């Protein structure tokens, strides 16, 4: 016999999740198969990297049908058995501005996640697998915040990762090149 009572975990629908988020506006959450997952706060380096991507992507995409968003645009990953709403650090979306959905990326083309110790395993495994299932997604980018290292997974290369620690990265889906110096502008690495 089990000495501890089993606790029921409430599973939430997408609508219930968005209502939850509205009632808890000071925190950020993701929805993973009905469970609400709280997101950890971001460091200065994390915020700098996110801002740098957003700045470069936004300037490049200013006169295109693509638009870059940071940290507040959900991405839906859905299969027959799973439904997840992730909140990537940066998402480039190709959508009609009049789509009516102000919370969700409709056709994400690039997703950027800035990795931390607490998100590393999820970003490199679960999210990598889930993001690959999004039909519109062309590039998934994982960025280290404690060292100058970026990984890019491209649909055109069967999602095989390419690693960068200097030079520049060409984002083929939006015809944009960003240097690692630009990505890591103002980032301060702690001495080991």
Protein backbone atom coordinates (compact mmCIF):
# COMPACT_ATOMS: atom_id res chain seq x y z
CA UNK A 1 0.00 0.00 0.00
CA UNK A 2 1.23 3.49 -0.90
CA UNK A 3 2.04 5.55 2.19
CA UNK A 4 1.52 8.84 0.37
CA UNK A 5 -1.76 9.83 -1.25
CA UNK A 6 -1.55 10.46 -4.96
CA UNK A 7 -2.26 14.05 -5.85
CA UNK A 8 -4.43 14.79 -8.82
CA UNK A 9 -2.70 16.98 -11.37
CA UNK A 10 -5.08 19.40 -13.05
CA UNK A 11 -4.80 19.31 -16.82
CA UNK A 12 -5.59 22.52 -18.63
CA UNK A 13 -6.99 23.23 -22.07
CA UNK A 14 -5.43 25.92 -24.24
CA UNK A 15 -8.19 28.39 -23.34
CA UNK A 16 -7.84 27.64 -19.61
CA UNK A 17 -4.08 28.08 -19.93
CA UNK A 18 -4.41 31.52 -21.51
CA UNK A 19 -6.90 32.50 -18.79
CA UNK A 20 -4.35 31.32 -16.19
CA UNK A 21 -1.65 33.46 -17.84
CA UNK A 22 -3.90 36.51 -17.74
CA UNK A 23 -4.51 35.96 -14.01
CA UNK A 24 -0.75 35.58 -13.40
CA UNK A 25 0.77 38.28 -15.63
CA UNK A 26 4.02 38.69 -13.68
CA UNK A 27 5.26 35.21 -14.54
CA UNK A 28 5.78 33.30 -17.79
CA UNK A 29 4.45 29.81 -18.37
CA UNK A 30 4.38 27.05 -20.98
CA UNK A 31 1.71 24.40 -21.45
CA UNK A 32 3.00 20.84 -21.88
CA UNK A 33 0.34 18.16 -22.41
CA UNK A 34 -2.13 19.96 -20.17
CA UNK A 35 0.36 20.85 -17.42
CA UNK A 36 1.31 24.45 -16.73
CA UNK A 37 5.07 24.83 -16.39
CA UNK A 38 6.56 27.97 -14.80
CA UNK A 39 9.55 29.44 -16.61
CA UNK A 40 12.65 30.57 -14.78
CA UNK A 41 13.69 34.21 -14.80
CA UNK A 42 16.29 35.34 -17.31
CA UNK A 43 19.79 36.64 -16.60
CA UNK A 44 21.28 39.85 -18.00
CA UNK A 45 23.26 37.85 -20.58
CA UNK A 46 20.10 35.99 -21.58
CA UNK A 47 18.28 39.29 -22.07
CA UNK A 48 21.19 40.82 -24.00
CA UNK A 49 21.36 37.88 -26.41
CA UNK A 50 17.59 37.92 -26.91
CA UNK A 51 17.66 41.69 -27.55
CA UNK A 52 20.56 41.34 -30.00
CA UNK A 53 18.76 38.71 -32.08
CA UNK A 54 15.54 40.72 -32.01
CA UNK A 55 17.34 43.91 -33.07
CA UNK A 56 19.16 42.32 -36.02
CA UNK A 57 16.23 40.24 -37.22
CA UNK A 58 13.78 43.15 -36.91
CA UNK A 59 16.01 45.55 -38.84
CA UNK A 60 16.56 42.97 -41.58
CA UNK A 61 12.87 42.06 -41.83
CA UNK A 62 11.46 45.60 -41.62
CA UNK A 63 10.07 45.58 -45.16
CA UNK A 64 9.16 41.90 -45.49
CA UNK A 65 6.26 39.65 -44.61
CA UNK A 66 8.29 38.23 -41.69
CA UNK A 67 8.32 39.65 -38.18
CA UNK A 68 10.51 38.91 -35.15
CA UNK A 69 9.12 38.63 -31.62
CA UNK A 70 10.84 38.13 -28.26
CA UNK A 71 9.66 36.05 -25.32
CA UNK A 72 5.93 36.75 -25.53
CA UNK A 73 4.78 34.88 -28.63
CA UNK A 74 3.71 31.27 -28.13
CA UNK A 75 4.57 28.48 -30.54
CA UNK A 76 2.24 25.48 -30.79
CA UNK A 77 3.67 21.97 -31.22
CA UNK A 78 0.88 19.50 -31.81
CA UNK A 79 0.69 15.82 -32.69
CA UNK A 80 -2.02 13.19 -32.26
CA UNK A 81 -0.85 12.51 -28.69
CA UNK A 82 0.80 15.77 -27.60
CA UNK A 83 -0.05 19.45 -27.41
CA UNK A 84 2.52 21.94 -26.24
CA UNK A 85 2.61 25.71 -26.14
CA UNK A 86 6.19 26.90 -25.84
CA UNK A 87 7.40 30.44 -25.28
CA UNK A 88 10.69 30.73 -27.20
CA UNK A 89 13.14 33.54 -26.54
CA UNK A 90 12.88 34.77 -30.15
CA UNK A 91 10.58 33.65 -32.95
CA UNK A 92 10.50 34.85 -36.55
CA UNK A 93 6.95 34.46 -37.83
CA UNK A 94 5.67 34.67 -41.38
CA UNK A 95 2.04 35.62 -41.03
CA UNK A 96 -0.60 38.09 -42.02
CA UNK A 97 -0.69 40.84 -39.39
CA UNK A 98 -4.48 40.69 -39.50
CA UNK A 99 -4.58 37.03 -38.48
CA UNK A 100 -6.34 37.99 -35.25
CA UNK A 101 -4.19 35.87 -32.92
CA UNK A 102 -2.00 38.12 -30.82
CA UNK A 103 -0.59 35.37 -28.58
CA UNK A 104 0.54 32.74 -31.09
CA UNK A 105 3.08 32.56 -33.90
CA UNK A 106 1.07 31.28 -36.86
CA UNK A 107 3.91 30.23 -39.17
CA UNK A 108 7.19 30.25 -37.21
CA UNK A 109 10.23 30.15 -39.51
CA UNK A 110 13.08 30.58 -36.99
CA UNK A 111 13.00 29.79 -33.27
CA UNK A 112 15.81 30.88 -30.93
CA UNK A 113 16.27 29.50 -27.42
CA UNK A 114 18.94 30.94 -25.12
CA UNK A 115 20.07 27.99 -23.04
CA UNK A 116 20.63 27.99 -19.28
CA UNK A 117 21.64 25.23 -16.89
CA UNK A 118 17.99 24.60 -16.05
CA UNK A 119 16.78 24.48 -19.69
CA UNK A 120 19.74 22.81 -21.43
CA UNK A 121 18.36 19.27 -21.46
CA UNK A 122 14.90 20.35 -22.62
CA UNK A 123 16.21 22.71 -25.32
CA UNK A 124 18.54 20.10 -26.83
CA UNK A 125 16.14 17.15 -26.62
CA UNK A 126 12.39 17.65 -26.11
CA UNK A 127 12.12 21.07 -27.77
CA UNK A 128 14.41 20.04 -30.63
CA UNK A 129 12.12 17.06 -31.37
CA UNK A 130 8.93 19.08 -30.91
CA UNK A 131 10.01 22.06 -32.99
CA UNK A 132 11.01 19.81 -35.90
CA UNK A 133 7.33 18.82 -36.23
CA UNK A 134 6.25 22.39 -37.03
CA UNK A 135 5.71 22.41 -40.82
CA UNK A 136 6.76 26.05 -41.33
CA UNK A 137 9.91 25.91 -39.18
CA UNK A 138 13.17 26.12 -41.12
CA UNK A 139 15.80 26.85 -38.45
CA UNK A 140 16.09 26.17 -34.72
CA UNK A 141 18.85 28.04 -32.89
CA UNK A 142 20.24 27.24 -29.44
CA UNK A 143 22.50 29.92 -27.95
CA UNK A 144 24.82 29.52 -24.97
CA UNK A 145 24.81 32.45 -22.56
CA UNK A 146 27.89 31.47 -20.53
CA UNK A 147 30.22 31.03 -23.51
CA UNK A 148 30.27 32.14 -27.13
CA UNK A 149 28.66 29.13 -28.79
CA UNK A 150 25.63 28.83 -31.07
CA UNK A 151 24.02 25.69 -32.53
CA UNK A 152 21.80 25.88 -35.60
CA UNK A 153 19.55 23.01 -36.68
CA UNK A 154 18.18 23.40 -40.23
CA UNK A 155 15.32 21.59 -41.90
CA UNK A 156 17.24 21.79 -45.20
CA UNK A 157 20.01 19.71 -43.57
CA UNK A 158 17.64 17.12 -42.05
CA UNK A 159 17.90 18.87 -38.67
CA UNK A 160 21.59 18.07 -38.30
CA UNK A 161 23.17 20.60 -35.95
CA UNK A 162 25.92 22.97 -36.96
CA UNK A 163 28.08 24.56 -34.29
CA UNK A 164 29.51 28.13 -34.34
CA UNK A 165 31.90 29.80 -31.89
CA UNK A 166 33.20 32.60 -34.16
CA UNK A 167 32.50 34.24 -37.48
CA UNK A 168 28.97 34.64 -38.80
CA UNK A 169 25.77 32.63 -39.18
CA UNK A 170 23.71 32.76 -42.34
CA UNK A 171 19.99 32.31 -41.69
CA UNK A 172 18.91 30.94 -45.04
CA UNK A 173 15.16 31.08 -44.38
CA UNK A 174 15.23 34.89 -44.16
CA UNK A 175 18.45 35.57 -46.14
CA UNK A 176 20.16 37.23 -43.17
CA UNK A 177 23.70 37.04 -41.83
CA UNK A 178 24.47 37.83 -38.18
CA UNK A 179 27.97 37.70 -36.70
CA UNK A 180 28.67 36.13 -33.35
CA UNK A 181 30.08 39.49 -32.25
CA UNK A 182 26.62 40.97 -32.94
CA UNK A 183 24.85 38.12 -31.13
CA UNK A 184 27.10 38.50 -28.08
CA UNK A 185 27.30 42.31 -28.07
CA UNK A 186 27.59 43.55 -24.44
CA UNK A 187 27.51 39.97 -23.06
CA UNK A 188 29.89 39.55 -20.12
CA UNK A 189 31.25 36.08 -19.50
CA UNK A 190 32.17 35.14 -15.93
CA UNK A 191 35.73 33.94 -15.31
CA UNK A 192 35.89 30.17 -14.87
